[in-house]
Amino acid sequence: GHELVTTHDGVVAGLEEFGQVRVLQRARFPVPSAEADTTFTMPGDFDFLDITVPRGAWNHSLGPSATVFEVPAQFRSDDGGEAVLAGQAISFGPEGATFGQQGVEIELPLNETEDFGNRQFEVRFWESRSRRWLARETLAVKRVGVRRAVRGRVYHFSTYAAFAVPALPDTPAPAPPNTPSTENP
């Protein structure tokens, strides 16, 4: 069971610095099981995104919630423009909920129509104090049909988004050790 609210404009609680945003979807889920891992799938247009709570990781009286929204233009890049927002952001609640060493796995949408070239993706969270997107553990990119998502492990609920960042250069293969030549010069 879940509660689903669809598109409207509004201010997302805790993100007043973003001002009015386009909220695409809001969902609330029941309290996860304490006895088994629990996976919640977003309803509606974002039904390719999951939240997975490991057994025993949830210690809150409310179940998780997720608000998917469009990030205003002035907050769509970071690191001097090197990191670029790659999809919508999701504000996960209850805000500030923590999960210990197990963490919770979340999935974030990637823009289906944009070509990010050879960039790699990172999960980042909005840190209001510094007004920056800070990187977190990124696990994988998944595809469901034409839709793509980035999966990450987080240790607290906040607002998260996927960012496209320059790919790390390939590490060159080590040079072979010098071998003595058997040829005469």
Protein backbone atom coordinates (compact mmCIF):
# COMPACT_ATOMS: atom_id res chain seq x y z
CA GLY A 1 0.00 0.00 0.00
CA HIS A 2 1.05 3.53 -0.75
CA GLU A 3 -0.39 7.00 -1.15
CA LEU A 4 0.20 8.70 -4.51
CA VAL A 5 0.02 12.41 -5.27
CA THR A 6 0.83 13.56 -8.79
CA THR A 7 2.08 16.72 -10.54
CA HIS A 8 1.69 20.15 -8.99
CA ASP A 9 3.81 23.22 -8.24
CA GLY A 10 4.90 23.90 -4.69
CA VAL A 11 7.67 24.30 -2.16
CA VAL A 12 9.21 21.05 -0.91
CA ALA A 13 9.49 21.02 2.91
CA GLY A 14 13.09 21.52 3.98
CA LEU A 15 14.10 22.84 0.54
CA GLU A 16 12.74 26.36 0.77
CA GLU A 17 15.95 27.67 -0.88
CA PHE A 18 14.79 26.03 -4.12
CA GLY A 19 11.57 28.08 -4.09
CA GLN A 20 8.60 26.87 -6.16
CA VAL A 21 9.39 23.60 -7.92
CA ARG A 22 7.46 21.26 -10.18
CA VAL A 23 6.56 18.27 -8.00
CA LEU A 24 6.08 15.29 -10.33
CA GLN A 25 5.08 12.71 -7.76
CA ARG A 26 4.81 12.17 -4.04
CA ALA A 27 4.43 8.72 -2.48
CA ARG A 28 4.17 7.41 1.08
CA PHE A 29 4.85 3.81 2.05
CA PRO A 30 4.08 1.70 5.13
CA VAL A 31 6.67 0.99 7.82
CA PRO A 32 9.13 -1.64 6.45
CA SER A 33 9.28 -5.12 7.96
CA ALA A 34 11.68 -5.59 10.85
CA GLU A 35 11.95 -9.30 9.96
CA ALA A 36 12.95 -9.18 6.26
CA ASP A 37 14.40 -6.87 3.62
CA THR A 38 11.61 -4.69 2.21
CA THR A 39 11.56 -3.21 -1.30
CA PHE A 40 9.11 -0.47 -2.19
CA THR A 41 8.52 0.41 -5.85
CA MET A 42 7.47 3.91 -6.74
CA PRO A 43 3.99 4.00 -8.30
CA GLY A 44 2.90 5.75 -11.49
CA ASP A 45 5.39 7.32 -13.90
CA PHE A 46 8.34 6.40 -11.70
CA ASP A 47 7.47 2.69 -11.31
CA PHE A 48 11.02 1.72 -12.33
CA LEU A 49 12.50 3.13 -9.10
CA ASP A 50 12.91 1.12 -5.89
CA ILE A 51 13.77 1.83 -2.26
CA THR A 52 15.21 -1.21 -0.45
CA VAL A 53 15.37 -1.24 3.34
CA PRO A 54 17.43 -4.09 4.85
CA ARG A 55 15.95 -6.17 7.66
CA GLY A 56 16.22 -4.30 10.95
CA ALA A 57 17.52 -1.04 9.42
CA TRP A 58 14.27 0.90 9.92
CA ASN A 59 13.77 2.33 13.39
CA HIS A 60 11.15 5.03 12.72
CA SER A 61 7.42 5.16 13.47
CA LEU A 62 6.57 6.50 9.98
CA GLY A 63 7.17 4.65 6.74
CA PRO A 64 9.36 6.09 3.99
CA SER A 65 8.15 8.82 1.68
CA ALA A 66 9.51 10.11 -1.63
CA THR A 67 8.86 13.40 -3.43
CA VAL A 68 10.11 13.51 -7.04
CA PHE A 69 10.65 17.04 -8.36
CA GLU A 70 12.37 19.12 -11.04
CA VAL A 71 15.42 20.94 -9.70
CA PRO A 72 15.51 24.68 -10.53
CA ALA A 73 18.11 25.65 -13.15
CA GLN A 74 20.45 27.46 -10.74
CA PHE A 75 20.91 24.23 -8.73
CA ARG A 76 21.54 21.84 -11.65
CA SER A 77 25.34 21.89 -11.72
CA ASP A 78 28.13 21.71 -9.21
CA ASP A 79 31.91 21.52 -9.07
CA GLY A 80 32.29 24.54 -11.34
CA GLY A 81 29.97 23.00 -13.92
CA GLU A 82 31.84 19.68 -14.11
CA ALA A 83 28.98 17.79 -12.45
CA VAL A 84 25.62 18.13 -14.19
CA LEU A 85 22.22 17.05 -12.91
CA ALA A 86 21.20 13.93 -14.85
CA GLY A 87 17.51 13.63 -13.87
CA GLN A 88 14.92 14.65 -11.31
CA ALA A 89 15.70 14.87 -7.60
CA ILE A 90 13.91 12.87 -4.91
CA SER A 91 13.41 14.12 -1.37
CA PHE A 92 13.23 11.02 0.84
CA GLY A 93 11.58 11.11 4.24
CA PRO A 94 11.28 11.14 7.04
CA GLU A 95 13.94 13.85 6.65
CA GLY A 96 17.04 13.04 8.66
CA ALA A 97 16.15 9.36 9.25
CA THR A 98 19.37 7.37 9.70
CA PHE A 99 20.12 3.70 9.00
CA GLY A 100 23.41 2.75 10.64
CA GLN A 101 26.06 0.74 8.81
CA GLN A 102 23.60 -1.19 6.60
CA GLY A 103 22.30 1.85 4.78
CA VAL A 104 19.27 1.86 2.49
CA GLU A 105 19.42 1.45 -1.29
CA ILE A 106 17.66 4.11 -3.35
CA GLU A 107 17.24 4.56 -7.08
CA LEU A 108 17.23 7.91 -8.86
CA PRO A 109 15.90 8.64 -12.36
CA LEU A 110 18.14 9.56 -15.29
CA ASN A 111 16.90 11.79 -18.10
CA GLU A 112 15.87 9.38 -20.88
CA THR A 113 16.38 11.81 -23.74
CA GLU A 114 19.78 13.25 -22.87
CA ASP A 115 23.03 11.74 -24.13
CA PHE A 116 25.63 12.01 -21.37
CA GLY A 117 28.43 10.71 -23.59
CA ASN A 118 31.14 8.87 -21.70
CA ARG A 119 30.32 10.49 -18.37
CA GLN A 120 29.75 8.34 -15.32
CA PHE A 121 26.97 8.83 -12.80
CA GLU A 122 27.10 9.69 -9.12
CA VAL A 123 24.47 9.76 -6.40
CA ARG A 124 24.60 13.13 -4.62
CA PHE A 125 22.63 14.68 -1.78
CA TRP A 126 21.72 18.33 -1.25
CA GLU A 127 23.54 19.82 1.71
CA SER A 128 21.60 23.00 2.59
CA ARG A 129 24.27 24.53 4.81
CA SER A 130 26.89 24.63 2.04
CA ARG A 131 24.27 24.83 -0.75
CA ARG A 132 26.08 22.03 -2.63
CA TRP A 133 25.39 18.54 -3.93
CA LEU A 134 27.72 16.10 -2.09
CA ALA A 135 28.66 12.70 -3.54
CA ARG A 136 27.56 9.43 -1.90
CA GLU A 137 28.12 5.72 -2.62
CA THR A 138 26.96 4.87 -6.14
CA LEU A 139 26.32 1.18 -6.79
CA ALA A 140 25.06 0.71 -10.35
CA VAL A 141 23.11 2.02 -13.31
CA LYS A 142 20.03 0.01 -14.22
CA ARG A 143 17.80 -0.01 -17.29
CA VAL A 144 14.12 -0.84 -17.44
CA GLY A 145 13.16 -0.55 -21.10
CA VAL A 146 14.21 2.93 -22.19
CA ARG A 147 14.20 4.22 -18.63
CA ARG A 148 17.40 4.38 -16.65
CA ALA A 149 18.15 4.81 -12.97
CA VAL A 150 21.19 5.11 -10.74
CA ARG A 151 21.25 2.99 -7.58
CA GLY A 152 23.07 4.20 -4.49
CA ARG A 153 23.45 3.30 -0.82
CA VAL A 154 22.61 6.05 1.63
CA TYR A 155 22.86 6.23 5.40
CA HIS A 156 20.35 9.01 5.99
CA PHE A 157 17.30 10.37 4.20
CA SER A 158 17.64 13.72 2.52
CA THR A 159 17.24 15.03 -1.03
CA TYR A 160 19.19 13.02 -3.60
CA ALA A 161 19.80 13.28 -7.35
CA ALA A 162 21.94 11.59 -9.98
CA PHE A 163 24.72 13.66 -11.51
CA ALA A 164 26.76 13.05 -14.66
CA VAL A 165 30.45 13.63 -13.97
CA PRO A 166 33.54 13.34 -16.16
CA ALA A 167 34.65 9.73 -16.45
CA LEU A 168 37.87 8.94 -14.70
CA PRO A 169 40.66 8.40 -17.21
CA ASP A 170 41.51 4.77 -17.75
CA THR A 171 44.52 3.76 -15.73
CA PRO A 172 47.26 2.87 -18.19
CA ALA A 173 48.47 -0.70 -18.06
CA PRO A 174 51.81 -1.00 -16.33
CA ALA A 175 54.75 -1.18 -18.67
CA PRO A 176 56.18 -4.67 -19.00
CA PRO A 177 59.33 -5.18 -16.98
CA ASN A 178 62.57 -4.73 -18.86
CA THR A 179 63.60 -8.07 -20.22
CA PRO A 180 67.14 -8.72 -21.33
CA SER A 181 67.47 -8.89 -25.05
CA THR A 182 68.61 -12.13 -26.58
CA GLU A 183 69.63 -10.39 -29.76
CA ASN A 184 73.14 -9.13 -30.37
CA PRO A 185 73.32 -5.43 -31.18
